[in-house]
Amino acid sequence: MIYGYFIGMTQPFDLLTKGPIIVDIGLILLKVLALFMALTFHEFAHGWVARRLGDHTAESQGRLTLNPKDHIDPFGTVLLPAMLILMRSPVVFGWAKPVPIDPRNFKDPRRGMMWSALGGPLINLFLAAALAVVFKAMLMAGIHIRGLLLFLIIAIQLNVFLAIFNLIPIPPLDGGRVLVGLLPPRQAIAYSRIEPYGFMIVIALMYFNILDRFVFYPIQVILRFLGIG
């Protein structure tokens, strides 16, 4: 999974900014914890859906797990995002170790890959909704633990962002695999050939702010619906 995160999205509510401000290192740790949680569920969902459709490759290789260490790429998940955060980059991106999936084990390989790819973004949206319920319940109960509330805001925003970002229809993003599964076979084969260049295409679109209109609007709509935006 390739992921990106716009740091500017995280705007703590007023109740979290009253009193002593949480130091930068604490905020970074909260973002890292939220990122690890989001990508762990994302990759697990890919493998879980694949297993339901007949492919046990992830399970046989020990990747059907919610243990973050099994999904972390040392450079792509830890070092690169950390450097970008410390440099106060407005955009943080990286990647996790992809869950192994063998499409030959599916009855319909293209559709199997499509549904397996879709599992990641869907679990991120489900997780964001569940965390939003927890956040609102805490406020209604008068539980104002600022660090925990801030973590929930970050985790909700991050999960929604990862879901929408990964649904961009450019391989190797999940949205690209979904589109390949929907296209007629000839067009699907032709479109899948851009996958080796997909990462650079995504980075270029991020750099020139072309993704803003396609990513931020649906994110804002979802966050408002969840009562977080």
C-alpha atoms as a PDB file:
ATOM      1  CA  MET A   1       0.000   0.000   0.000  1.00  0.00           C
ATOM      2  CA  ILE A   2       1.247   3.457  -0.923  1.00  0.00           C
ATOM      3  CA  TYR A   3      -0.037   6.124   1.405  1.00  0.00           C
ATOM      4  CA  GLY A   4       0.102   9.881   1.709  1.00  0.00           C
ATOM      5  CA  TYR A   5      -0.941  12.184   4.500  1.00  0.00           C
ATOM      6  CA  PHE A   6      -1.312  15.938   4.455  1.00  0.00           C
ATOM      7  CA  ILE A   7      -0.181  17.129   7.885  1.00  0.00           C
ATOM      8  CA  GLY A   8      -2.250  20.292   7.553  1.00  0.00           C
ATOM      9  CA  MET A   9      -5.429  18.237   7.823  1.00  0.00           C
ATOM     10  CA  THR A  10      -4.999  17.725  11.537  1.00  0.00           C
ATOM     11  CA  GLN A  11      -6.663  20.702  13.203  1.00  0.00           C
ATOM     12  CA  PRO A  12      -7.371  19.927  16.880  1.00  0.00           C
ATOM     13  CA  PHE A  13     -10.671  21.254  18.228  1.00  0.00           C
ATOM     14  CA  ASP A  14     -10.673  24.230  20.606  1.00  0.00           C
ATOM     15  CA  LEU A  15     -11.142  21.993  23.629  1.00  0.00           C
ATOM     16  CA  LEU A  16      -7.832  20.319  22.785  1.00  0.00           C
ATOM     17  CA  THR A  17      -5.864  23.530  22.403  1.00  0.00           C
ATOM     18  CA  LYS A  18      -6.800  25.129  25.720  1.00  0.00           C
ATOM     19  CA  GLY A  19      -4.102  24.918  28.345  1.00  0.00           C
ATOM     20  CA  PRO A  20      -0.556  23.585  27.809  1.00  0.00           C
ATOM     21  CA  ILE A  21       0.147  22.667  24.201  1.00  0.00           C
ATOM     22  CA  ILE A  22       1.261  19.100  23.509  1.00  0.00           C
ATOM     23  CA  VAL A  23       4.911  19.187  22.434  1.00  0.00           C
ATOM     24  CA  ASP A  24       5.837  18.341  18.857  1.00  0.00           C
ATOM     25  CA  ILE A  25       7.368  14.991  19.753  1.00  0.00           C
ATOM     26  CA  GLY A  26       4.123  13.898  21.393  1.00  0.00           C
ATOM     27  CA  LEU A  27       2.132  14.938  18.337  1.00  0.00           C
ATOM     28  CA  ILE A  28       4.531  13.050  16.076  1.00  0.00           C
ATOM     29  CA  LEU A  29       4.149   9.916  18.206  1.00  0.00           C
ATOM     30  CA  LEU A  30       0.366  10.171  18.017  1.00  0.00           C
ATOM     31  CA  LYS A  31       0.554  10.450  14.231  1.00  0.00           C
ATOM     32  CA  VAL A  32       2.914   7.483  14.005  1.00  0.00           C
ATOM     33  CA  LEU A  33       0.657   5.341  16.212  1.00  0.00           C
ATOM     34  CA  ALA A  34      -2.386   6.318  14.157  1.00  0.00           C
ATOM     35  CA  LEU A  35      -0.519   5.548  10.940  1.00  0.00           C
ATOM     36  CA  PHE A  36       0.610   2.116  12.141  1.00  0.00           C
ATOM     37  CA  MET A  37      -2.941   1.268  13.210  1.00  0.00           C
ATOM     38  CA  ALA A  38      -4.457   2.422   9.906  1.00  0.00           C
ATOM     39  CA  LEU A  39      -2.017   0.625   7.652  1.00  0.00           C
ATOM     40  CA  THR A  40      -2.143  -2.565   9.755  1.00  0.00           C
ATOM     41  CA  PHE A  41      -5.909  -2.827   9.388  1.00  0.00           C
ATOM     42  CA  HIS A  42      -5.614  -1.853   5.717  1.00  0.00           C
ATOM     43  CA  GLU A  43      -3.156  -4.620   4.858  1.00  0.00           C
ATOM     44  CA  PHE A  44      -4.960  -7.156   7.038  1.00  0.00           C
ATOM     45  CA  ALA A  45      -8.183  -6.434   5.147  1.00  0.00           C
ATOM     46  CA  HIS A  46      -6.497  -7.133   1.811  1.00  0.00           C
ATOM     47  CA  GLY A  47      -5.401 -10.553   3.017  1.00  0.00           C
ATOM     48  CA  TRP A  48      -8.688 -11.317   4.776  1.00  0.00           C
ATOM     49  CA  VAL A  49     -10.788 -10.602   1.684  1.00  0.00           C
ATOM     50  CA  ALA A  50      -8.382 -12.619  -0.463  1.00  0.00           C
ATOM     51  CA  ARG A  51      -8.710 -15.579   1.899  1.00  0.00           C
ATOM     52  CA  ARG A  52     -12.502 -15.337   1.787  1.00  0.00           C
ATOM     53  CA  LEU A  53     -12.273 -15.522  -2.006  1.00  0.00           C
ATOM     54  CA  GLY A  54     -10.004 -18.563  -1.991  1.00  0.00           C
ATOM     55  CA  ASP A  55      -6.426 -17.274  -1.782  1.00  0.00           C
ATOM     56  CA  HIS A  56      -4.567 -18.290   1.398  1.00  0.00           C
ATOM     57  CA  THR A  57      -1.167 -16.866   0.360  1.00  0.00           C
ATOM     58  CA  ALA A  58      -1.112 -14.090   2.987  1.00  0.00           C
ATOM     59  CA  GLU A  59      -2.167 -16.515   5.716  1.00  0.00           C
ATOM     60  CA  SER A  60       0.484 -19.075   4.766  1.00  0.00           C
ATOM     61  CA  GLN A  61       3.182 -16.390   4.880  1.00  0.00           C
ATOM     62  CA  GLY A  62       2.112 -15.056   8.280  1.00  0.00           C
ATOM     63  CA  ARG A  63       0.764 -11.771   6.916  1.00  0.00           C
ATOM     64  CA  LEU A  64      -2.861 -12.276   7.932  1.00  0.00           C
ATOM     65  CA  THR A  65      -2.214 -10.565  11.245  1.00  0.00           C
ATOM     66  CA  LEU A  66      -2.934  -7.341  13.113  1.00  0.00           C
ATOM     67  CA  ASN A  67       0.659  -7.173  14.353  1.00  0.00           C
ATOM     68  CA  PRO A  68       2.051  -3.909  12.859  1.00  0.00           C
ATOM     69  CA  LYS A  69       5.625  -5.215  12.644  1.00  0.00           C
ATOM     70  CA  ASP A  70       4.611  -7.707   9.971  1.00  0.00           C
ATOM     71  CA  HIS A  71       3.358  -4.923   7.687  1.00  0.00           C
ATOM     72  CA  ILE A  72       6.064  -2.308   8.251  1.00  0.00           C
ATOM     73  CA  ASP A  73       8.665  -1.509   5.631  1.00  0.00           C
ATOM     74  CA  PRO A  74      11.626  -0.018   7.561  1.00  0.00           C
ATOM     75  CA  PHE A  75      12.292   2.719   5.031  1.00  0.00           C
ATOM     76  CA  GLY A  76       8.893   3.296   3.450  1.00  0.00           C
ATOM     77  CA  THR A  77       6.848   3.119   6.650  1.00  0.00           C
ATOM     78  CA  VAL A  78       9.259   4.537   9.234  1.00  0.00           C
ATOM     79  CA  LEU A  79      12.328   6.424   8.007  1.00  0.00           C
ATOM     80  CA  LEU A  80      10.880   8.329   5.041  1.00  0.00           C
ATOM     81  CA  PRO A  81       7.683   9.539   6.798  1.00  0.00           C
ATOM     82  CA  ALA A  82       9.712  10.432   9.912  1.00  0.00           C
ATOM     83  CA  MET A  83      12.127  12.536   7.881  1.00  0.00           C
ATOM     84  CA  LEU A  84       9.267  14.329   6.124  1.00  0.00           C
ATOM     85  CA  ILE A  85       7.489  15.007   9.432  1.00  0.00           C
ATOM     86  CA  LEU A  86      10.671  16.347  11.061  1.00  0.00           C
ATOM     87  CA  MET A  87      11.219  18.544   7.986  1.00  0.00           C
ATOM     88  CA  ARG A  88       7.650  19.839   8.500  1.00  0.00           C
ATOM     89  CA  SER A  89       6.709  18.814   5.000  1.00  0.00           C
ATOM     90  CA  PRO A  90       3.031  19.554   4.198  1.00  0.00           C
ATOM     91  CA  VAL A  91       2.835  16.102   2.596  1.00  0.00           C
ATOM     92  CA  VAL A  92       3.928  12.826   4.149  1.00  0.00           C
ATOM     93  CA  PHE A  93       3.972   9.725   2.001  1.00  0.00           C
ATOM     94  CA  GLY A  94       5.442   6.257   2.055  1.00  0.00           C
ATOM     95  CA  TRP A  95       4.430   2.645   1.731  1.00  0.00           C
ATOM     96  CA  ALA A  96       3.807  -0.524   3.694  1.00  0.00           C
ATOM     97  CA  LYS A  97       4.840  -4.044   2.737  1.00  0.00           C
ATOM     98  CA  PRO A  98       2.150  -5.276   0.335  1.00  0.00           C
ATOM     99  CA  VAL A  99       0.227  -8.346   1.438  1.00  0.00           C
ATOM    100  CA  PRO A 100       1.034 -11.219  -0.961  1.00  0.00           C
ATOM    101  CA  ILE A 101      -1.943 -12.248  -3.088  1.00  0.00           C
ATOM    102  CA  ASP A 102      -1.934 -14.887  -5.818  1.00  0.00           C
ATOM    103  CA  PRO A 103      -4.776 -14.144  -8.271  1.00  0.00           C
ATOM    104  CA  ARG A 104      -4.511 -17.684  -9.694  1.00  0.00           C
ATOM    105  CA  ASN A 105      -6.300 -18.905  -6.576  1.00  0.00           C
ATOM    106  CA  PHE A 106      -9.427 -16.887  -7.355  1.00  0.00           C
ATOM    107  CA  LYS A 107     -12.262 -18.260  -9.457  1.00  0.00           C
ATOM    108  CA  ASP A 108     -12.252 -14.946 -11.298  1.00  0.00           C
ATOM    109  CA  PRO A 109      -8.714 -13.481 -10.953  1.00  0.00           C
ATOM    110  CA  ARG A 110      -9.586  -9.925 -12.051  1.00  0.00           C
ATOM    111  CA  ARG A 111     -12.629  -9.659  -9.817  1.00  0.00           C
ATOM    112  CA  GLY A 112     -10.773 -11.356  -6.965  1.00  0.00           C
ATOM    113  CA  MET A 113      -8.020  -8.763  -7.147  1.00  0.00           C
ATOM    114  CA  MET A 114     -10.607  -6.006  -7.378  1.00  0.00           C
ATOM    115  CA  TRP A 115     -12.440  -7.050  -4.204  1.00  0.00           C
ATOM    116  CA  SER A 116      -9.176  -7.726  -2.347  1.00  0.00           C
ATOM    117  CA  ALA A 117      -7.952  -4.239  -3.239  1.00  0.00           C
ATOM    118  CA  LEU A 118     -11.251  -2.669  -2.183  1.00  0.00           C
ATOM    119  CA  GLY A 119     -11.029  -4.302   1.250  1.00  0.00           C
ATOM    120  CA  GLY A 120      -8.255  -1.948   2.407  1.00  0.00           C
ATOM    121  CA  PRO A 121     -10.024   1.390   1.849  1.00  0.00           C
ATOM    122  CA  LEU A 122     -13.319  -0.018   3.162  1.00  0.00           C
ATOM    123  CA  ILE A 123     -11.774  -1.122   6.468  1.00  0.00           C
ATOM    124  CA  ASN A 124     -10.201   2.342   6.857  1.00  0.00           C
ATOM    125  CA  LEU A 125     -13.608   3.976   6.423  1.00  0.00           C
ATOM    126  CA  PHE A 126     -15.177   1.526   8.887  1.00  0.00           C
ATOM    127  CA  LEU A 127     -12.401   2.198  11.400  1.00  0.00           C
ATOM    128  CA  ALA A 128     -12.841   5.960  11.003  1.00  0.00           C
ATOM    129  CA  ALA A 129     -16.575   5.624  11.680  1.00  0.00           C
ATOM    130  CA  ALA A 130     -15.973   3.457  14.754  1.00  0.00           C
ATOM    131  CA  LEU A 131     -13.414   5.905  16.160  1.00  0.00           C
ATOM    132  CA  ALA A 132     -15.808   8.807  15.519  1.00  0.00           C
ATOM    133  CA  VAL A 133     -18.414   7.042  17.649  1.00  0.00           C
ATOM    134  CA  VAL A 134     -15.836   6.648  20.443  1.00  0.00           C
ATOM    135  CA  PHE A 135     -14.846  10.313  20.120  1.00  0.00           C
ATOM    136  CA  LYS A 136     -18.440  11.554  20.384  1.00  0.00           C
ATOM    137  CA  ALA A 137     -19.185   9.171  23.245  1.00  0.00           C
ATOM    138  CA  MET A 138     -16.228  10.547  25.203  1.00  0.00           C
ATOM    139  CA  LEU A 139     -17.394  14.133  24.685  1.00  0.00           C
ATOM    140  CA  MET A 140     -20.958  13.285  25.687  1.00  0.00           C
ATOM    141  CA  ALA A 141     -19.673  11.541  28.810  1.00  0.00           C
ATOM    142  CA  GLY A 142     -17.531  14.559  29.718  1.00  0.00           C
ATOM    143  CA  ILE A 143     -14.265  12.632  29.304  1.00  0.00           C
ATOM    144  CA  HIS A 144     -11.845  15.300  28.080  1.00  0.00           C
ATOM    145  CA  ILE A 145      -8.497  13.507  27.982  1.00  0.00           C
ATOM    146  CA  ARG A 146      -6.781  15.801  25.494  1.00  0.00           C
ATOM    147  CA  GLY A 147      -4.108  13.373  24.331  1.00  0.00           C
ATOM    148  CA  LEU A 148      -6.627  10.622  23.660  1.00  0.00           C
ATOM    149  CA  LEU A 149      -9.094  12.959  21.942  1.00  0.00           C
ATOM    150  CA  LEU A 150      -6.314  14.332  19.759  1.00  0.00           C
ATOM    151  CA  PHE A 151      -5.237  10.796  18.853  1.00  0.00           C
ATOM    152  CA  LEU A 152      -8.800   9.946  17.850  1.00  0.00           C
ATOM    153  CA  ILE A 153      -9.049  13.055  15.642  1.00  0.00           C
ATOM    154  CA  ILE A 154      -5.746  12.226  13.967  1.00  0.00           C
ATOM    155  CA  ALA A 155      -6.691   8.563  13.510  1.00  0.00           C
ATOM    156  CA  ILE A 156     -10.105   9.430  12.043  1.00  0.00           C
ATOM    157  CA  GLN A 157      -8.649  11.937   9.597  1.00  0.00           C
ATOM    158  CA  LEU A 158      -5.809   9.614   8.650  1.00  0.00           C
ATOM    159  CA  ASN A 159      -8.071   6.619   8.018  1.00  0.00           C
ATOM    160  CA  VAL A 160     -10.412   8.679   5.840  1.00  0.00           C
ATOM    161  CA  PHE A 161      -7.468  10.133   3.945  1.00  0.00           C
ATOM    162  CA  LEU A 162      -5.892   6.708   3.372  1.00  0.00           C
ATOM    163  CA  ALA A 163      -9.199   5.320   2.114  1.00  0.00           C
ATOM    164  CA  ILE A 164      -9.772   8.129  -0.388  1.00  0.00           C
ATOM    165  CA  PHE A 165      -6.125   8.418  -1.394  1.00  0.00           C
ATOM    166  CA  ASN A 166      -5.868   4.701  -2.115  1.00  0.00           C
ATOM    167  CA  LEU A 167      -9.048   4.818  -4.199  1.00  0.00           C
ATOM    168  CA  ILE A 168      -7.332   7.065  -6.761  1.00  0.00           C
ATOM    169  CA  PRO A 169      -7.629   4.976  -9.946  1.00  0.00           C
ATOM    170  CA  ILE A 170      -3.917   4.716 -10.684  1.00  0.00           C
ATOM    171  CA  PRO A 171      -2.138   1.366 -10.275  1.00  0.00           C
ATOM    172  CA  PRO A 172      -0.612   0.253  -7.928  1.00  0.00           C
ATOM    173  CA  LEU A 173      -3.076   2.136  -5.701  1.00  0.00           C
ATOM    174  CA  ASP A 174      -6.139   0.124  -4.731  1.00  0.00           C
ATOM    175  CA  GLY A 175      -8.370   2.289  -6.917  1.00  0.00           C
ATOM    176  CA  GLY A 176      -6.254   1.352  -9.915  1.00  0.00           C
ATOM    177  CA  ARG A 177      -6.781  -2.344  -9.232  1.00  0.00           C
ATOM    178  CA  VAL A 178     -10.502  -1.753  -8.790  1.00  0.00           C
ATOM    179  CA  LEU A 179     -10.645   0.018 -12.152  1.00  0.00           C
ATOM    180  CA  VAL A 180      -8.700  -2.805 -13.822  1.00  0.00           C
ATOM    181  CA  GLY A 181     -11.270  -5.230 -12.437  1.00  0.00           C
ATOM    182  CA  LEU A 182     -14.134  -3.189 -13.881  1.00  0.00           C
ATOM    183  CA  LEU A 183     -12.705  -2.515 -17.336  1.00  0.00           C
ATOM    184  CA  PRO A 184     -13.185  -4.937 -20.259  1.00  0.00           C
ATOM    185  CA  PRO A 185     -10.247  -7.395 -20.498  1.00  0.00           C
ATOM    186  CA  ARG A 186      -8.405  -5.673 -23.374  1.00  0.00           C
ATOM    187  CA  GLN A 187      -8.636  -2.210 -21.810  1.00  0.00           C
ATOM    188  CA  ALA A 188      -7.758  -3.641 -18.392  1.00  0.00           C
ATOM    189  CA  ILE A 189      -4.535  -5.174 -19.717  1.00  0.00           C
ATOM    190  CA  ALA A 190      -3.584  -1.929 -21.445  1.00  0.00           C
ATOM    191  CA  TYR A 191      -4.327   0.192 -18.367  1.00  0.00           C
ATOM    192  CA  SER A 192      -2.447  -2.121 -15.994  1.00  0.00           C
ATOM    193  CA  ARG A 193       0.748  -1.443 -17.968  1.00  0.00           C
ATOM    194  CA  ILE A 194       1.106   1.952 -16.298  1.00  0.00           C
ATOM    195  CA  GLU A 195       1.639   0.285 -12.897  1.00  0.00           C
ATOM    196  CA  PRO A 196       5.490   0.476 -13.033  1.00  0.00           C
ATOM    197  CA  TYR A 197       5.136   4.253 -13.397  1.00  0.00           C
ATOM    198  CA  GLY A 198       2.162   4.669 -11.067  1.00  0.00           C
ATOM    199  CA  PHE A 199       4.145   5.768  -8.008  1.00  0.00           C
ATOM    200  CA  MET A 200       5.909   8.545  -9.932  1.00  0.00           C
ATOM    201  CA  ILE A 201       2.603   9.642 -11.467  1.00  0.00           C
ATOM    202  CA  VAL A 202       1.029   9.915  -8.016  1.00  0.00           C
ATOM    203  CA  ILE A 203       4.006  11.860  -6.617  1.00  0.00           C
ATOM    204  CA  ALA A 204       3.862  14.264  -9.582  1.00  0.00           C
ATOM    205  CA  LEU A 205       0.124  14.795  -9.113  1.00  0.00           C
ATOM    206  CA  MET A 206       0.707  15.486  -5.405  1.00  0.00           C
ATOM    207  CA  TYR A 207       3.582  17.871  -6.139  1.00  0.00           C
ATOM    208  CA  PHE A 208       1.534  19.949  -8.592  1.00  0.00           C
ATOM    209  CA  ASN A 209      -1.534  19.904  -6.304  1.00  0.00           C
ATOM    210  CA  ILE A 210      -3.625  18.218  -8.988  1.00  0.00           C
ATOM    211  CA  LEU A 211      -4.989  15.676  -6.525  1.00  0.00           C
ATOM    212  CA  ASP A 212      -6.502  18.315  -4.252  1.00  0.00           C
ATOM    213  CA  ARG A 213      -9.880  18.510  -5.971  1.00  0.00           C
ATOM    214  CA  PHE A 214     -10.181  14.725  -6.207  1.00  0.00           C
ATOM    215  CA  VAL A 215      -9.002  13.924  -2.687  1.00  0.00           C
ATOM    216  CA  PHE A 216      -9.874  16.744  -0.295  1.00  0.00           C
ATOM    217  CA  TYR A 217     -13.487  17.319  -1.269  1.00  0.00           C
ATOM    218  CA  PRO A 218     -14.631  13.722  -0.575  1.00  0.00           C
ATOM    219  CA  ILE A 219     -12.506  13.702   2.574  1.00  0.00           C
ATOM    220  CA  GLN A 220     -14.203  16.858   3.845  1.00  0.00           C
ATOM    221  CA  VAL A 221     -17.641  15.439   3.018  1.00  0.00           C
ATOM    222  CA  ILE A 222     -16.925  12.228   4.928  1.00  0.00           C
ATOM    223  CA  LEU A 223     -15.414  14.029   7.919  1.00  0.00           C
ATOM    224  CA  ARG A 224     -18.441  16.345   8.129  1.00  0.00           C
ATOM    225  CA  PHE A 225     -20.715  13.323   7.968  1.00  0.00           C
ATOM    226  CA  LEU A 226     -18.763  11.779  10.852  1.00  0.00           C
ATOM    227  CA  GLY A 227     -19.023  15.058  12.779  1.00  0.00           C
ATOM    228  CA  ILE A 228     -15.269  15.635  12.764  1.00  0.00           C
ATOM    229  CA  GLY A 229     -14.753  18.082   9.886  1.00  0.00           C
END
